[in-house]
Amino acid sequence: MSSTRHSITVDDVRKVARLARLSIPDTDLPAITAKLEPILGYIEQLNEVDTAGVAAMAHVVPLHNVLREDTIEPALGLEATLRNAPETDGPFFKVPKVIGEEDSAG
């Protein structure tokens, strides 16, 4: 396997930052570029590893569903449902109005 070393440029970092909607001062770009270079070199090194015959996996350890079975149980009654509500209006939860009011700070 041959290694094709690509270097990252300040312009590459600037473009990725723009795509990620990150505001990075131009004075910081050379330092960030220098920090990214060894990371990309390590990724290139990983790309050289022969993975033929290695099964694809989503996690390195086997995972099992730990959820319980869904069982139908009686619903909570209206009185029990509303018991801890700060305010009620008959069989309803009473909440402050959040739409349709003018912003007083405006």
C-alpha atoms as a PDB file:
ATOM      1  CA  MET A   1       0.000   0.000   0.000  1.00  0.00           C
ATOM      2  CA  SER A   2       1.370   3.358  -0.920  1.00  0.00           C
ATOM      3  CA  SER A   3       0.975   6.448   1.188  1.00  0.00           C
ATOM      4  CA  THR A   4       0.025   9.647  -0.572  1.00  0.00           C
ATOM      5  CA  ARG A   5       0.721  12.433   1.870  1.00  0.00           C
ATOM      6  CA  HIS A   6      -1.574  15.403   1.436  1.00  0.00           C
ATOM      7  CA  SER A   7      -0.905  18.533   3.405  1.00  0.00           C
ATOM      8  CA  ILE A   8      -3.585  20.847   4.656  1.00  0.00           C
ATOM      9  CA  THR A   9      -3.318  24.529   3.888  1.00  0.00           C
ATOM     10  CA  VAL A  10      -4.519  27.615   5.701  1.00  0.00           C
ATOM     11  CA  ASP A  11      -7.044  28.065   2.890  1.00  0.00           C
ATOM     12  CA  ASP A  12      -8.373  24.530   3.541  1.00  0.00           C
ATOM     13  CA  VAL A  13      -8.852  25.346   7.229  1.00  0.00           C
ATOM     14  CA  ARG A  14     -10.518  28.648   6.359  1.00  0.00           C
ATOM     15  CA  LYS A  15     -12.934  26.860   3.980  1.00  0.00           C
ATOM     16  CA  VAL A  16     -13.815  24.145   6.513  1.00  0.00           C
ATOM     17  CA  ALA A  17     -14.336  26.785   9.199  1.00  0.00           C
ATOM     18  CA  ARG A  18     -16.674  28.688   6.885  1.00  0.00           C
ATOM     19  CA  LEU A  19     -18.629  25.514   6.064  1.00  0.00           C
ATOM     20  CA  ALA A  20     -18.896  24.729   9.779  1.00  0.00           C
ATOM     21  CA  ARG A  21     -19.963  28.322  10.402  1.00  0.00           C
ATOM     22  CA  LEU A  22     -17.023  28.901  12.740  1.00  0.00           C
ATOM     23  CA  SER A  23     -15.531  32.325  13.104  1.00  0.00           C
ATOM     24  CA  ILE A  24     -11.766  31.887  13.347  1.00  0.00           C
ATOM     25  CA  PRO A  25      -9.517  34.951  13.273  1.00  0.00           C
ATOM     26  CA  ASP A  26      -6.959  34.894  10.447  1.00  0.00           C
ATOM     27  CA  THR A  27      -4.191  35.147  13.051  1.00  0.00           C
ATOM     28  CA  ASP A  28      -5.234  31.761  14.521  1.00  0.00           C
ATOM     29  CA  LEU A  29      -5.410  29.879  11.192  1.00  0.00           C
ATOM     30  CA  PRO A  30      -1.696  28.952  10.946  1.00  0.00           C
ATOM     31  CA  ALA A  31      -1.698  27.447  14.469  1.00  0.00           C
ATOM     32  CA  ILE A  32      -4.876  25.469  13.789  1.00  0.00           C
ATOM     33  CA  THR A  33      -3.444  24.256  10.483  1.00  0.00           C
ATOM     34  CA  ALA A  34      -0.298  23.060  12.275  1.00  0.00           C
ATOM     35  CA  LYS A  35      -2.405  21.173  14.844  1.00  0.00           C
ATOM     36  CA  LEU A  36      -4.544  19.509  12.170  1.00  0.00           C
ATOM     37  CA  GLU A  37      -1.579  18.297  10.095  1.00  0.00           C
ATOM     38  CA  PRO A  38      -0.508  15.483  12.501  1.00  0.00           C
ATOM     39  CA  ILE A  39      -4.136  14.420  12.961  1.00  0.00           C
ATOM     40  CA  LEU A  40      -4.557  13.995   9.210  1.00  0.00           C
ATOM     41  CA  GLY A  41      -1.223  12.160   9.091  1.00  0.00           C
ATOM     42  CA  TYR A  42      -2.513   9.703  11.692  1.00  0.00           C
ATOM     43  CA  ILE A  43      -5.694   9.162   9.676  1.00  0.00           C
ATOM     44  CA  GLU A  44      -3.571   8.434   6.598  1.00  0.00           C
ATOM     45  CA  GLN A  45      -1.604   5.931   8.688  1.00  0.00           C
ATOM     46  CA  LEU A  46      -4.871   4.232   9.707  1.00  0.00           C
ATOM     47  CA  ASN A  47      -5.909   4.059   6.059  1.00  0.00           C
ATOM     48  CA  GLU A  48      -2.832   1.890   5.393  1.00  0.00           C
ATOM     49  CA  VAL A  49      -4.021  -0.866   7.764  1.00  0.00           C
ATOM     50  CA  ASP A  50      -5.191  -3.987   5.932  1.00  0.00           C
ATOM     51  CA  THR A  51      -8.794  -4.519   6.967  1.00  0.00           C
ATOM     52  CA  ALA A  52      -9.627  -7.203   4.414  1.00  0.00           C
ATOM     53  CA  GLY A  53     -11.571  -9.936   6.113  1.00  0.00           C
ATOM     54  CA  VAL A  54     -12.546  -7.776   9.081  1.00  0.00           C
ATOM     55  CA  ALA A  55     -16.294  -7.691   9.568  1.00  0.00           C
ATOM     56  CA  ALA A  56     -17.889  -4.269   9.662  1.00  0.00           C
ATOM     57  CA  MET A  57     -19.312  -3.341  13.030  1.00  0.00           C
ATOM     58  CA  ALA A  58     -21.118  -0.450  14.617  1.00  0.00           C
ATOM     59  CA  HIS A  59     -19.549  -0.885  18.056  1.00  0.00           C
ATOM     60  CA  VAL A  60     -16.450  -2.618  19.362  1.00  0.00           C
ATOM     61  CA  VAL A  61     -18.329  -4.592  22.023  1.00  0.00           C
ATOM     62  CA  PRO A  62     -21.519  -6.569  21.444  1.00  0.00           C
ATOM     63  CA  LEU A  63     -24.591  -4.659  22.540  1.00  0.00           C
ATOM     64  CA  HIS A  64     -27.904  -6.142  23.541  1.00  0.00           C
ATOM     65  CA  ASN A  65     -31.262  -4.476  23.859  1.00  0.00           C
ATOM     66  CA  VAL A  66     -31.730  -3.851  27.571  1.00  0.00           C
ATOM     67  CA  LEU A  67     -35.259  -2.480  27.325  1.00  0.00           C
ATOM     68  CA  ARG A  68     -38.128  -4.308  28.936  1.00  0.00           C
ATOM     69  CA  GLU A  69     -41.026  -5.696  26.954  1.00  0.00           C
ATOM     70  CA  ASP A  70     -43.905  -3.317  26.313  1.00  0.00           C
ATOM     71  CA  THR A  71     -46.854  -4.345  28.428  1.00  0.00           C
ATOM     72  CA  ILE A  72     -50.312  -2.861  28.446  1.00  0.00           C
ATOM     73  CA  GLU A  73     -51.234  -1.511  31.849  1.00  0.00           C
ATOM     74  CA  PRO A  74     -54.182   0.505  33.065  1.00  0.00           C
ATOM     75  CA  ALA A  75     -53.923   4.210  32.293  1.00  0.00           C
ATOM     76  CA  LEU A  76     -53.369   6.717  35.079  1.00  0.00           C
ATOM     77  CA  GLY A  77     -56.699   8.208  36.132  1.00  0.00           C
ATOM     78  CA  LEU A  78     -57.568  11.864  35.575  1.00  0.00           C
ATOM     79  CA  GLU A  79     -57.351  12.748  39.268  1.00  0.00           C
ATOM     80  CA  ALA A  80     -53.919  11.130  39.640  1.00  0.00           C
ATOM     81  CA  THR A  81     -52.719  12.767  36.416  1.00  0.00           C
ATOM     82  CA  LEU A  82     -53.659  16.268  37.568  1.00  0.00           C
ATOM     83  CA  ARG A  83     -52.654  15.766  41.223  1.00  0.00           C
ATOM     84  CA  ASN A  84     -49.218  17.429  40.932  1.00  0.00           C
ATOM     85  CA  ALA A  85     -50.152  20.106  38.390  1.00  0.00           C
ATOM     86  CA  PRO A  86     -49.517  23.656  39.653  1.00  0.00           C
ATOM     87  CA  GLU A  87     -52.872  24.787  38.244  1.00  0.00           C
ATOM     88  CA  THR A  88     -55.803  23.049  36.631  1.00  0.00           C
ATOM     89  CA  ASP A  89     -58.998  24.132  34.915  1.00  0.00           C
ATOM     90  CA  GLY A  90     -61.416  21.248  35.270  1.00  0.00           C
ATOM     91  CA  PRO A  91     -59.880  18.258  33.511  1.00  0.00           C
ATOM     92  CA  PHE A  92     -57.100  20.352  31.908  1.00  0.00           C
ATOM     93  CA  PHE A  93     -53.633  21.567  32.845  1.00  0.00           C
ATOM     94  CA  LYS A  94     -53.609  25.354  33.107  1.00  0.00           C
ATOM     95  CA  VAL A  95     -50.514  26.991  31.627  1.00  0.00           C
ATOM     96  CA  PRO A  96     -49.532  30.599  30.896  1.00  0.00           C
ATOM     97  CA  LYS A  97     -50.307  31.931  27.444  1.00  0.00           C
ATOM     98  CA  VAL A  98     -47.118  31.940  25.359  1.00  0.00           C
ATOM     99  CA  ILE A  99     -48.283  33.006  21.903  1.00  0.00           C
ATOM    100  CA  GLY A 100     -50.198  35.975  20.603  1.00  0.00           C
ATOM    101  CA  GLU A 101     -48.947  38.479  23.160  1.00  0.00           C
ATOM    102  CA  GLU A 102     -46.958  41.540  22.159  1.00  0.00           C
ATOM    103  CA  ASP A 103     -43.387  41.697  23.377  1.00  0.00           C
ATOM    104  CA  SER A 104     -43.331  44.417  26.058  1.00  0.00           C
ATOM    105  CA  ALA A 105     -39.541  44.869  25.665  1.00  0.00           C
ATOM    106  CA  GLY A 106     -39.990  45.877  22.048  1.00  0.00           C
END
